[in-house]
Structures are given as structure tokens and as C-alpha cells.
Amino acid sequence: MLPTTLADVAEAMSGDIVKGAPDGVITSVSADSRSVAVGDLFIPLAGDRFDGHDYIGSALDAGAAAAVTAQPLTDDVEGRAAAVIRVDDTLRALTSLASAVRDRVSGPVVAITGSNGKTSTKELAAAVLGPSAHKAPESYNNAIGVALTLLGVDAADAPVVLEMGTNHFGEIAALVDIARPDVGVFLNAAAVHTEFLVDVDGVAREKSALPVAAARAVLNAADKRVMRYAPDCADVTTFGVGENADVGVTGVTVDALGRPSFSLRIDGVDVGTVTLRLLGRHQVGNALAAAAVGHILGVSPQDIVERLRDADAAKMRMQVERVGEVTIVNDAYNANPASVRAAFETFRDVAVDGDRWVLLGDMLELGQGAAELHGDAARLLSADWCAGFIPHGEHAGVMAEAARPTGEHDGMKAVIRCATDDDVVDALVATLRPGDALLVKGSRGARMETIVDAYRATLLDAAPSAS
């Protein structure tokens, strides 16, 4: 965090200092008592199943120097704190402090939204902007995450790259109010969070609040719902595989490992060939968005090309690992119909010695059409590239029925339904053979990575020990 006096922190939060020296300096903030560092200002937040106020004492024991509170503290807890600020609402205090810190950031602030690709594009954009760029950790894309990302800035002139997500109307506008981005990137609009955003047009309308508010907009020329809002944006740069995009490509190919290569074109000029370390043809669009960000912020074409080549994949996003003699393609961070299709297309291109298997968990927050959308996803499977399918979760029955071995699924070895995570692990151990590959996909709430972890642990336990 940019060094801030306790007095300025309290003022930003509309709070009162009840203990501590006003000229004391805060240099770091935490909202999680489990990851507090020495000297942190601890801001407790309330959730559905917990209240951070219950952990103020633990945070102080872990080294926090100061605490914010909306509740009275016991004498014991207050006595352990070097400073205490009283506020009416701790979440509002967190976002207000972040907004005040944003006022002191002189480097460009980039924010990225879209139904798919936010985190991958964030990683790519940060890589393009160079090692000084400060990026959101993991998928910090709600009010808490955006605020904590801004509060993590420690160099005022460094570029900042944020993610902005939403599942209710008005959330993007609220995040824009906190971050006031200089560049707003709108990747795409798809059937995601339609339980609350109604339909894809609602998704696009909600997400458009970012590029419309930003000083400069980066828009996907290939998405008509994105481009619908171009007239409302102040300064537009487009990206995409089409001929008319400001930042585009020629000659996209995919190698045997699923890594795409392409010639990057900026303002009609080919500036170099890029082979991404990320898997999937769909990553080309994310790379183009990142290149557009770099281009409008003054990064040279040569640096854009070199930095895209060197960029690594984000965790649990088409992340490849070997578990025993099986290849796991872990894309378990999140899922929706569009990203499932992209994952299947990528997995189909990955060369394997054995069979390809797909483990697909639930796609959440799809509203009344959820069952149909899960069936549609399963029908994308084809025996010419997928030997077997393990659907898991609430909609496993619908997916299993849609993928039963008839028609284009003839030749698929098996569709396996499992009641529990442990049953899935047992099925994987019994079914997967050396040389096989497994794609794991599901929404964040499905936590499919726990199955991968358990499968890995089971194989390690079964492995013979060295003599």
C-alpha cells in the first residue's frame, strides 16, 4: 500500500481514531486474519457464514498493528492494538480507502471485464506492460478484490491491471466508481450469471459500464454485443481475428500441445510471430486484447511480441500437469457454456498417446435454463476425440443422458456417473491408463480441483516406496 497516515486512513473511511497516533503510518492492509502480516491494518468483513470482527484478536496476535471495527471491542482486544479506527460499515470503509489510494496512483489503471477470459487477459496484459505492473492476485474481481488490489499498489507510477466481475446489475458501475480506470477492456458477453442478469443482452449491458466510463476503451470487434456500445465510448481501440480490428492476427495455428501461434498485426502491420505458452485457440483473443492495452499505453510492438511469448498461464486455467503417467488439463477455476466449448475445442487439439477423458462439474448461476445448457454442453462431446465422460454434480444426470453412447457418441467407451467426490476419484483410478489425458472443468463453486488433489494423493499413496 502507498504509505498513508492513520489520520488520512480514518478520513478516507469517514471513521474516528479511538486509539493510536494520527501521524502513524499504515503501509499494508489485510481483510483475512489467516494471512495477516506484521504491521498490517486489519479490516474485518462480514460474510454469510462468518464475521471478521470475531477474528480481530487473532489478527492482532498474528502481527496486525491496527484494526478497523464497526463493533465495540473488548478491553483485552483493544489493548493489544496499536491503533483502532471506528467506522459504521467495514466493507464501505475498505472500498472508500481503496478509492482514496486510487487518487494517488499516477500510473495507468487498466480494468478488464467479460464473460470469459478475464484472468488470462489480466495476466497477459500485466506481462505486456512489464515487470513493474501491479495485477490483481488470482481472480480478485468483486468489490473486495478490486479494493484489495488497489490497496496492494506500492509504487504510484506503476501500471495497475484489475479484473471486474459481476452477477447483479449495477456491480460493474460500483467497481468503476472505486477504481476509475483509464482503460476499460470488454472481452465478450455470453450466457453467464443469467440467473440474475436475465440474458446475454443483460450481461452485455451490465459489463458495458466499464468501457463507457473509461477514458479509453478496448473492445472485441468480433462480438456484436460488445461493439453495440462502441458509440458510447470516448476513445475505442478494437481487437479480434477479423480484418477490420485495430489489433488483429493472421495465420493462427495450434501445435500438438494445444499452444496457438499467430502473426500479430497492429494498425495493419505485421509486427511479429507469437507462440503462446497458454493452451487453446481461444487464448488468441485474450492475447490480442492484452496487445491492444500495451499498444495504446505506449509499449513498443517488439516488446509486446516478446512479452506475450514469455507470459505464463494462470493457475487452474488450462494448466497441464502429469499425475503418474496421466496428463491432467486442469481448467477447473470456472465454467460457463462458452468456456466449456472453448475447453473442449482445446482439449481435442492436444495430442495424447492414450485416450482423452472429460470430467465436467456444474456450471453455476445459469438460472432457469441451467439443465438445458448442461445438456447442450455434454452434446458437444464426440467419440472421435473423447473416449469417456464423467459428469458430476447436480446436473450430472442431464449431462449423462445427453452424452449417452448414441449417434455421434458411438464409440465412446463410457459415461460414468458418481454420487460423491470420492466415487469420482475411485473411477479415475480404476479407469485412466498410462498415456491417457483428463480434462477437468467446472464452476468455482464446484471446486473440481479437490478431486484432482485427491486423485494425485491416491496415486502417490499407492506408489511403491524407494528401497
Protein backbone atom coordinates (compact mmCIF):
# COMPACT_ATOMS: atom_id res chain seq x y z
CA MET A 1 0.00 0.00 0.00
CA LEU A 2 1.14 3.55 -0.64
CA PRO A 3 2.17 4.86 2.81
CA THR A 4 -0.81 6.61 4.42
CA THR A 5 -1.12 8.22 7.83
CA LEU A 6 -3.66 6.89 10.28
CA ALA A 7 -5.41 10.26 10.13
CA ASP A 8 -5.76 10.04 6.35
CA VAL A 9 -6.96 6.45 6.59
CA ALA A 10 -9.65 7.45 9.08
CA GLU A 11 -10.68 10.42 6.95
CA ALA A 12 -10.98 8.26 3.82
CA MET A 13 -13.19 5.84 5.74
CA SER A 14 -15.26 8.57 7.41
CA GLY A 15 -14.13 6.93 10.64
CA ASP A 16 -12.84 8.03 14.03
CA ILE A 17 -9.49 7.20 15.60
CA VAL A 18 -10.26 5.77 19.02
CA LYS A 19 -6.68 4.70 19.69
CA GLY A 20 -3.33 5.45 18.09
CA ALA A 21 -1.20 8.34 16.86
CA PRO A 22 -2.79 10.20 13.92
CA ASP A 23 0.62 10.61 12.29
CA GLY A 24 1.34 6.89 12.47
CA VAL A 25 1.84 5.38 9.01
CA ILE A 26 -0.02 2.41 7.50
CA THR A 27 1.74 0.57 4.67
CA SER A 28 -0.32 -2.61 4.25
CA VAL A 29 -3.89 -3.84 4.64
CA SER A 30 -5.43 -7.27 5.19
CA ALA A 31 -9.03 -8.44 5.31
CA ASP A 32 -8.20 -12.07 6.15
CA SER A 33 -6.90 -12.92 9.62
CA ARG A 34 -5.31 -16.09 8.22
CA SER A 35 -2.90 -14.14 6.03
CA VAL A 36 -2.11 -11.12 8.18
CA ALA A 37 1.46 -9.82 8.02
CA VAL A 38 3.29 -7.89 10.70
CA GLY A 39 2.26 -4.25 10.66
CA ASP A 40 -0.98 -4.71 8.69
CA LEU A 41 -4.13 -2.69 9.16
CA PHE A 42 -6.79 -5.38 9.63
CA ILE A 43 -10.25 -4.63 8.22
CA PRO A 44 -12.78 -7.28 9.31
CA LEU A 45 -15.56 -8.14 6.87
CA ALA A 46 -18.82 -9.95 7.46
CA GLY A 47 -19.86 -12.89 5.27
CA ASP A 48 -22.79 -15.29 5.15
CA ARG A 49 -21.07 -17.75 7.50
CA PHE A 50 -18.61 -15.60 9.43
CA ASP A 51 -17.91 -12.15 10.82
CA GLY A 52 -14.35 -10.90 10.64
CA HIS A 53 -14.88 -8.98 13.88
CA ASP A 54 -14.63 -12.34 15.64
CA TYR A 55 -11.04 -12.63 14.39
CA ILE A 56 -9.66 -9.20 15.24
CA GLY A 57 -7.86 -10.69 18.23
CA SER A 58 -6.34 -13.42 16.05
CA ALA A 59 -5.20 -10.81 13.53
CA LEU A 60 -3.52 -8.79 16.27
CA ASP A 61 -1.85 -11.92 17.60
CA ALA A 62 -0.53 -12.58 14.08
CA GLY A 63 1.11 -9.17 13.97
CA ALA A 64 -1.51 -6.69 12.78
CA ALA A 65 -0.66 -3.26 14.17
CA ALA A 66 -4.07 -1.67 13.78
CA ALA A 67 -7.69 -2.63 13.32
CA VAL A 68 -10.85 -1.14 11.89
CA THR A 69 -14.10 -2.03 13.62
CA ALA A 70 -17.80 -1.36 13.35
CA GLN A 71 -18.41 -3.03 16.72
CA PRO A 72 -17.23 -2.31 20.27
CA LEU A 73 -14.02 -4.13 21.15
CA THR A 74 -13.28 -5.78 24.45
CA ASP A 75 -10.68 -4.07 26.61
CA ASP A 76 -8.35 -7.02 26.03
CA VAL A 77 -8.55 -6.83 22.23
CA GLU A 78 -8.29 -3.05 22.10
CA GLY A 79 -5.35 -3.17 24.48
CA ARG A 80 -3.38 -5.34 22.04
CA ALA A 81 -3.86 -2.95 19.12
CA ALA A 82 -1.51 -0.05 18.47
CA ALA A 83 -4.35 1.76 16.72
CA VAL A 84 -8.11 1.37 16.29
CA ILE A 85 -10.46 3.14 13.87
CA ARG A 86 -14.23 3.01 14.42
CA VAL A 87 -16.45 3.05 11.31
CA ASP A 88 -20.10 2.43 10.53
CA ASP A 89 -19.51 -0.24 7.88
CA THR A 90 -16.24 -2.10 7.33
CA LEU A 91 -16.87 -3.04 3.68
CA ARG A 92 -17.62 0.58 2.85
CA ALA A 93 -14.50 1.54 4.80
CA LEU A 94 -12.40 -0.86 2.72
CA THR A 95 -13.69 0.38 -0.64
CA SER A 96 -13.51 4.04 0.41
CA LEU A 97 -9.88 3.65 1.46
CA ALA A 98 -9.11 1.94 -1.85
CA SER A 99 -10.77 4.77 -3.74
CA ALA A 100 -8.67 7.31 -1.83
CA VAL A 101 -5.49 5.39 -2.64
CA ARG A 102 -6.56 5.31 -6.30
CA ASP A 103 -6.42 9.12 -6.29
CA ARG A 104 -2.68 8.86 -5.62
CA VAL A 105 -1.93 6.37 -8.42
CA SER A 106 -0.37 8.18 -11.37
CA GLY A 107 0.30 5.09 -13.48
CA PRO A 108 -2.37 3.85 -15.89
CA VAL A 109 -5.16 1.79 -14.35
CA VAL A 110 -6.50 -0.91 -16.66
CA ALA A 111 -9.68 -2.85 -15.87
CA ILE A 112 -10.86 -5.95 -17.71
CA THR A 113 -14.36 -7.39 -17.87
CA GLY A 114 -16.09 -10.04 -19.95
CA SER A 115 -17.90 -13.33 -19.55
CA ASN A 116 -14.77 -15.34 -20.36
CA GLY A 117 -11.04 -14.73 -20.30
CA LYS A 118 -10.73 -12.01 -17.66
CA THR A 119 -7.99 -13.64 -15.62
CA SER A 120 -6.00 -14.90 -18.61
CA THR A 121 -6.19 -11.46 -20.22
CA LYS A 122 -5.20 -9.81 -16.94
CA GLU A 123 -2.11 -12.00 -16.75
CA LEU A 124 -1.25 -11.31 -20.39
CA ALA A 125 -1.84 -7.56 -20.10
CA ALA A 126 0.32 -7.34 -16.98
CA ALA A 127 3.05 -9.25 -18.80
CA VAL A 128 2.83 -6.89 -21.78
CA LEU A 129 3.03 -3.81 -19.52
CA GLY A 130 6.23 -5.11 -17.96
CA PRO A 131 7.57 -6.29 -14.60
CA SER A 132 6.56 -3.11 -12.77
CA ALA A 133 2.85 -3.76 -13.42
CA HIS A 134 0.73 -4.48 -10.36
CA LYS A 135 -2.01 -7.01 -11.10
CA ALA A 136 -4.96 -8.46 -9.26
CA PRO A 137 -3.98 -11.67 -7.49
CA GLU A 138 -5.92 -14.72 -8.68
CA SER A 139 -9.46 -13.62 -9.64
CA TYR A 140 -9.96 -10.65 -7.33
CA ASN A 141 -12.83 -9.23 -9.36
CA ASN A 142 -15.54 -8.15 -6.90
CA ALA A 143 -15.65 -5.07 -4.66
CA ILE A 144 -13.40 -6.66 -2.04
CA GLY A 145 -10.95 -7.96 -4.63
CA VAL A 146 -10.73 -4.69 -6.57
CA ALA A 147 -10.26 -2.75 -3.33
CA LEU A 148 -7.53 -5.08 -2.05
CA THR A 149 -5.75 -4.95 -5.41
CA LEU A 150 -5.64 -1.15 -5.30
CA LEU A 151 -4.53 -1.24 -1.68
CA GLY A 152 -1.68 -3.54 -2.71
CA VAL A 153 -0.14 -0.92 -5.00
CA ASP A 154 3.24 0.13 -3.60
CA ALA A 155 4.55 2.32 -6.45
CA ALA A 156 2.36 5.22 -7.50
CA ASP A 157 3.66 5.32 -11.08
CA ALA A 158 3.29 1.58 -11.78
CA PRO A 159 0.61 0.31 -14.18
CA VAL A 160 -2.28 -1.42 -12.41
CA VAL A 161 -4.31 -4.23 -14.00
CA LEU A 162 -7.67 -5.10 -12.47
CA GLU A 163 -10.44 -7.62 -13.14
CA MET A 164 -14.08 -6.65 -12.83
CA GLY A 165 -16.75 -9.33 -12.49
CA THR A 166 -20.46 -9.17 -11.88
CA ASN A 167 -23.54 -11.27 -11.31
CA HIS A 168 -26.05 -8.49 -10.50
CA PHE A 169 -26.95 -5.28 -12.26
CA GLY A 170 -25.03 -2.26 -11.01
CA GLU A 171 -21.96 -4.09 -9.74
CA ILE A 172 -19.65 -3.04 -12.58
CA ALA A 173 -20.65 0.61 -12.15
CA ALA A 174 -19.84 0.33 -8.44
CA LEU A 175 -16.40 -1.13 -9.21
CA VAL A 176 -15.76 1.63 -11.73
CA ASP A 177 -16.56 4.18 -9.04
CA ILE A 178 -13.88 2.64 -6.82
CA ALA A 179 -11.15 2.20 -9.45
CA ARG A 180 -11.84 4.93 -12.03
CA PRO A 181 -9.92 3.04 -14.75
CA ASP A 182 -8.07 4.82 -17.52
CA VAL A 183 -8.51 1.84 -19.86
CA GLY A 184 -11.59 -0.38 -19.91
CA VAL A 185 -11.36 -3.74 -21.72
CA PHE A 186 -14.60 -5.51 -22.71
CA LEU A 187 -13.77 -9.02 -23.92
CA ASN A 188 -17.12 -10.65 -24.66
CA ALA A 189 -20.67 -11.28 -23.49
CA ALA A 190 -22.04 -14.80 -23.06
CA ALA A 191 -24.66 -16.75 -21.11
CA VAL A 192 -23.04 -16.31 -17.70
CA HIS A 193 -24.79 -15.29 -14.46
CA THR A 194 -28.07 -15.16 -16.36
CA GLU A 195 -29.82 -16.22 -13.17
CA PHE A 196 -29.62 -12.56 -12.19
CA LEU A 197 -28.67 -10.75 -15.42
CA VAL A 198 -31.58 -12.37 -17.30
CA ASP A 199 -29.99 -12.96 -20.72
CA VAL A 200 -26.88 -12.27 -22.79
CA ASP A 201 -28.10 -8.78 -23.66
CA GLY A 202 -28.40 -8.11 -19.93
CA VAL A 203 -24.86 -9.39 -19.41
CA ALA A 204 -23.57 -7.06 -22.13
CA ARG A 205 -25.46 -4.07 -20.77
CA GLU A 206 -24.10 -4.62 -17.27
CA LYS A 207 -20.49 -5.08 -18.41
CA SER A 208 -20.62 -2.11 -20.79
CA ALA A 209 -20.50 0.21 -17.78
CA LEU A 210 -16.72 -0.32 -17.73
CA PRO A 211 -15.64 0.76 -21.23
CA VAL A 212 -18.26 3.51 -21.36
CA ALA A 213 -16.83 5.10 -18.20
CA ALA A 214 -13.14 4.66 -19.05
CA ALA A 215 -11.08 7.29 -20.84
CA ARG A 216 -10.08 4.66 -23.40
CA ALA A 217 -11.96 1.51 -24.39
CA VAL A 218 -10.61 -1.76 -25.78
CA LEU A 219 -13.43 -3.68 -27.47
CA ASN A 220 -13.77 -7.09 -29.13
CA ALA A 221 -14.56 -6.35 -32.77
CA ALA A 222 -15.89 -9.89 -33.24
CA ASP A 223 -18.61 -9.61 -30.57
CA LYS A 224 -21.61 -7.67 -31.83
CA ARG A 225 -22.97 -7.18 -28.32
CA VAL A 226 -19.68 -5.63 -27.24
CA MET A 227 -19.48 -3.39 -30.30
CA ARG A 228 -23.03 -2.20 -29.73
CA TYR A 229 -21.60 0.07 -27.02
CA ALA A 230 -18.73 1.49 -29.10
CA PRO A 231 -20.64 4.73 -29.90
CA ASP A 232 -20.96 5.37 -26.15
CA CYS A 233 -17.20 5.08 -25.55
CA ALA A 234 -14.81 8.02 -25.68
CA ASP A 235 -11.79 6.50 -27.48
CA VAL A 236 -12.04 2.99 -28.94
CA THR A 237 -9.34 0.50 -29.94
CA THR A 238 -10.62 -2.80 -31.31
CA PHE A 239 -9.09 -6.27 -31.27
CA GLY A 240 -10.06 -9.53 -32.93
CA VAL A 241 -9.37 -12.01 -35.67
CA GLY A 242 -11.38 -10.05 -38.22
CA GLU A 243 -9.77 -7.90 -40.88
CA ASN A 244 -11.12 -4.61 -39.52
CA ALA A 245 -9.69 -4.80 -35.99
CA ASP A 246 -7.01 -2.33 -34.93
CA VAL A 247 -5.10 -5.18 -33.30
CA GLY A 248 -5.52 -8.46 -35.14
CA VAL A 249 -3.87 -11.63 -36.41
CA THR A 250 -3.03 -13.63 -39.47
CA GLY A 251 -2.21 -17.30 -39.77
CA VAL A 252 -3.43 -18.85 -36.50
CA THR A 253 -2.17 -22.41 -35.96
CA VAL A 254 -2.20 -24.77 -32.96
CA ASP A 255 0.60 -27.24 -32.18
CA ALA A 256 0.29 -30.78 -30.81
CA LEU A 257 0.32 -29.47 -27.24
CA GLY A 258 -2.55 -27.08 -27.93
CA ARG A 259 -0.42 -23.92 -27.98
CA PRO A 260 -1.54 -21.32 -30.54
CA SER A 261 0.80 -19.38 -32.82
CA PHE A 262 -0.09 -16.33 -34.88
CA SER A 263 1.30 -13.28 -36.61
CA LEU A 264 0.36 -10.19 -34.60
CA ARG A 265 -0.93 -7.26 -36.64
CA ILE A 266 -1.17 -3.72 -35.24
CA ASP A 267 -2.75 -0.97 -37.32
CA GLY A 268 -2.49 -3.15 -40.40
CA VAL A 269 1.20 -4.02 -40.00
CA ASP A 270 2.52 -7.48 -39.08
CA VAL A 271 4.84 -6.89 -36.14
CA GLY A 272 5.99 -10.42 -35.29
CA THR A 273 5.04 -14.04 -34.67
CA VAL A 274 3.82 -15.11 -31.25
CA THR A 275 3.61 -18.64 -29.86
CA LEU A 276 1.76 -18.57 -26.56
CA ARG A 277 2.59 -20.77 -23.60
CA LEU A 278 -1.14 -20.91 -22.89
CA LEU A 279 -3.28 -23.71 -24.29
CA GLY A 280 -6.19 -23.09 -26.60
CA ARG A 281 -7.10 -21.24 -29.76
CA HIS A 282 -9.41 -19.04 -27.66
CA GLN A 283 -6.35 -17.57 -25.93
CA VAL A 284 -5.52 -15.70 -29.14
CA GLY A 285 -8.33 -13.24 -28.49
CA ASN A 286 -7.12 -12.69 -24.93
CA ALA A 287 -3.60 -12.06 -26.22
CA LEU A 288 -4.92 -9.55 -28.75
CA ALA A 289 -6.77 -7.67 -26.01
CA ALA A 290 -3.55 -7.54 -23.98
CA ALA A 291 -1.62 -6.38 -27.03
CA ALA A 292 -4.18 -3.61 -27.58
CA VAL A 293 -3.70 -2.45 -24.00
CA GLY A 294 0.05 -2.36 -24.46
CA HIS A 295 -0.23 -0.56 -27.78
CA ILE A 296 -2.38 2.31 -26.53
CA LEU A 297 -0.19 2.68 -23.44
CA GLY A 298 2.97 3.06 -25.48
CA VAL A 299 4.61 -0.38 -25.31
CA SER A 300 6.65 -1.00 -28.46
CA PRO A 301 5.44 -3.69 -30.89
CA GLN A 302 8.68 -5.63 -30.36
CA ASP A 303 8.19 -5.67 -26.58
CA ILE A 304 4.54 -6.68 -26.96
CA VAL A 305 5.53 -9.69 -29.08
CA GLU A 306 8.36 -10.77 -26.78
CA ARG A 307 6.33 -10.36 -23.60
CA LEU A 308 3.37 -12.31 -24.99
CA ARG A 309 5.75 -15.16 -25.86
CA ASP A 310 7.03 -15.24 -22.28
CA ALA A 311 3.67 -14.97 -20.47
CA ASP A 312 2.62 -17.93 -18.32
CA ALA A 313 -0.83 -19.43 -17.80
CA ALA A 314 -2.87 -18.59 -14.72
CA LYS A 315 -3.49 -21.32 -12.16
CA MET A 316 -6.27 -23.79 -12.99
CA ARG A 317 -6.78 -22.33 -16.46
CA MET A 318 -5.84 -25.00 -18.98
CA GLN A 319 -2.96 -25.82 -16.65
CA VAL A 320 -1.17 -29.02 -17.67
CA GLU A 321 0.42 -31.41 -15.20
CA ARG A 322 1.47 -35.04 -15.12
CA VAL A 323 -0.09 -37.18 -12.41
CA GLY A 324 1.63 -40.52 -12.56
CA GLU A 325 1.53 -41.38 -16.25
CA VAL A 326 -1.69 -39.45 -16.89
CA THR A 327 -1.85 -35.90 -18.27
CA ILE A 328 -4.27 -33.64 -16.40
CA VAL A 329 -5.53 -30.49 -18.11
CA ASN A 330 -6.85 -28.53 -15.15
CA ASP A 331 -9.33 -25.86 -16.25
CA ALA A 332 -11.28 -26.03 -13.01
CA TYR A 333 -11.24 -22.40 -11.96
CA ASN A 334 -14.59 -21.61 -13.54
CA ALA A 335 -17.07 -22.72 -16.18
CA ASN A 336 -19.92 -21.49 -18.32
CA PRO A 337 -21.27 -22.72 -21.66
CA ALA A 338 -18.87 -20.66 -23.77
CA SER A 339 -15.76 -21.56 -21.76
CA VAL A 340 -16.72 -25.25 -21.73
CA ARG A 341 -16.95 -25.19 -25.52
CA ALA A 342 -13.54 -23.50 -25.72
CA ALA A 343 -12.02 -26.03 -23.31
CA PHE A 344 -13.39 -28.95 -25.35
CA GLU A 345 -12.02 -27.46 -28.58
CA THR A 346 -8.61 -27.01 -26.98
CA PHE A 347 -8.53 -30.47 -25.43
CA ARG A 348 -9.47 -32.00 -28.77
CA ASP A 349 -6.30 -30.50 -30.28
CA VAL A 350 -3.97 -31.87 -27.58
CA ALA A 351 -2.01 -34.88 -28.82
CA VAL A 352 -2.17 -37.89 -26.47
CA ASP A 353 -0.78 -41.41 -26.58
CA GLY A 354 -3.86 -42.91 -24.96
CA ASP A 355 -7.47 -41.82 -24.56
CA ARG A 356 -9.00 -38.44 -23.73
CA TRP A 357 -11.46 -38.28 -20.84
CA VAL A 358 -13.59 -35.36 -19.65
CA LEU A 359 -14.64 -34.69 -16.05
CA LEU A 360 -17.24 -31.91 -16.05
CA GLY A 361 -18.83 -30.39 -12.95
CA ASP A 362 -21.73 -28.00 -12.64
CA MET A 363 -21.88 -24.60 -14.32
CA LEU A 364 -23.47 -22.32 -11.73
CA GLU A 365 -25.76 -19.28 -11.83
CA LEU A 366 -27.36 -20.12 -15.18
CA GLY A 367 -30.93 -19.62 -13.99
CA GLN A 368 -33.96 -21.46 -15.32
CA GLY A 369 -32.16 -22.72 -18.43
CA ALA A 370 -29.42 -24.46 -16.45
CA ALA A 371 -30.48 -28.03 -17.18
CA GLU A 372 -30.77 -27.43 -20.91
CA LEU A 373 -27.39 -25.67 -21.03
CA HIS A 374 -25.72 -28.58 -19.23
CA GLY A 375 -27.25 -30.98 -21.73
CA ASP A 376 -26.03 -28.80 -24.59
CA ALA A 377 -22.51 -28.89 -23.15
CA ALA A 378 -22.50 -32.68 -22.95
CA ARG A 379 -23.72 -32.95 -26.53
CA LEU A 380 -20.53 -31.19 -27.65
CA LEU A 381 -18.62 -34.36 -26.81
CA SER A 382 -17.78 -36.64 -29.70
CA ALA A 383 -16.29 -40.11 -29.75
CA ASP A 384 -13.74 -39.09 -32.36
CA TRP A 385 -11.79 -37.23 -29.67
CA CYS A 386 -13.35 -38.19 -26.31
CA ALA A 387 -13.21 -41.78 -25.10
CA GLY A 388 -15.18 -41.27 -21.90
CA PHE A 389 -17.15 -38.76 -19.87
CA ILE A 390 -17.65 -38.32 -16.13
CA PRO A 391 -20.38 -35.75 -15.37
CA HIS A 392 -20.54 -34.70 -11.74
CA GLY A 393 -22.79 -32.53 -9.62
CA GLU A 394 -26.43 -31.51 -9.55
CA HIS A 395 -26.82 -31.72 -13.32
CA ALA A 396 -24.85 -34.95 -13.78
CA GLY A 397 -27.98 -36.87 -14.78
CA VAL A 398 -28.89 -34.41 -17.52
CA MET A 399 -25.33 -34.44 -18.83
CA ALA A 400 -25.08 -38.23 -18.73
CA GLU A 401 -28.32 -38.61 -20.65
CA ALA A 402 -27.22 -36.09 -23.28
CA ALA A 403 -23.87 -37.86 -23.73
CA ARG A 404 -25.16 -41.43 -23.81
CA PRO A 405 -23.39 -43.54 -26.47
CA THR A 406 -25.75 -42.99 -29.41
CA GLY A 407 -25.32 -41.15 -32.66
CA GLU A 408 -22.16 -39.07 -32.69
CA HIS A 409 -21.23 -40.50 -29.29
CA ASP A 410 -20.99 -44.05 -30.68
CA GLY A 411 -17.59 -45.43 -29.82
CA MET A 412 -17.27 -43.54 -26.54
CA LYS A 413 -16.06 -46.10 -24.04
CA ALA A 414 -18.12 -44.98 -21.08
CA VAL A 415 -20.28 -42.37 -19.44
CA ILE A 416 -19.71 -42.77 -15.71
CA ARG A 417 -21.94 -41.21 -13.04
CA CYS A 418 -20.65 -40.89 -9.49
CA ALA A 419 -22.51 -39.95 -6.33
CA THR A 420 -19.62 -38.37 -4.42
CA ASP A 421 -16.21 -36.82 -4.98
CA ASP A 422 -14.63 -39.96 -3.53
CA ASP A 423 -16.51 -42.06 -6.08
CA VAL A 424 -15.12 -39.88 -8.86
CA VAL A 425 -11.58 -40.41 -7.56
CA ASP A 426 -12.16 -44.16 -7.43
CA ALA A 427 -13.47 -44.09 -11.00
CA LEU A 428 -10.43 -42.16 -12.21
CA VAL A 429 -8.04 -44.59 -10.51
CA ALA A 430 -9.87 -47.57 -12.00
CA THR A 431 -10.31 -46.13 -15.48
CA LEU A 432 -7.36 -43.95 -16.50
CA ARG A 433 -4.39 -45.71 -18.03
CA PRO A 434 -0.81 -44.61 -18.81
CA GLY A 435 -0.85 -42.19 -21.72
CA ASP A 436 -4.43 -41.03 -21.11
CA ALA A 437 -5.38 -37.38 -20.66
CA LEU A 438 -8.13 -35.92 -18.49
CA LEU A 439 -9.78 -32.51 -18.85
CA VAL A 440 -11.23 -31.19 -15.58
CA LYS A 441 -13.75 -28.35 -15.82
CA GLY A 442 -16.39 -26.82 -13.54
CA SER A 443 -17.56 -23.63 -11.89
CA ARG A 444 -15.66 -22.17 -8.96
CA GLY A 445 -18.31 -23.35 -6.53
CA ALA A 446 -17.96 -26.92 -7.77
CA ARG A 447 -14.32 -27.00 -6.55
CA MET A 448 -13.31 -29.66 -9.04
CA GLU A 449 -9.65 -29.14 -8.14
CA THR A 450 -10.29 -31.03 -4.89
CA ILE A 451 -10.94 -34.13 -6.97
CA VAL A 452 -7.65 -33.60 -8.82
CA ASP A 453 -5.85 -33.20 -5.49
CA ALA A 454 -7.43 -36.36 -4.10
CA TYR A 455 -6.62 -38.33 -7.26
CA ARG A 456 -3.00 -37.18 -7.10
CA ALA A 457 -2.77 -38.10 -3.41
CA THR A 458 -4.28 -41.54 -4.05
CA LEU A 459 -1.72 -42.32 -6.74
CA LEU A 460 1.13 -41.12 -4.54
CA ASP A 461 -0.09 -43.29 -1.67
CA ALA A 462 -0.28 -46.29 -3.98
CA ALA A 463 3.16 -45.75 -5.50
CA PRO A 464 5.83 -48.19 -4.26
CA SER A 465 8.34 -46.56 -1.94
CA ALA A 466 12.01 -46.45 -2.88
CA SER A 467 14.05 -49.22 -1.32
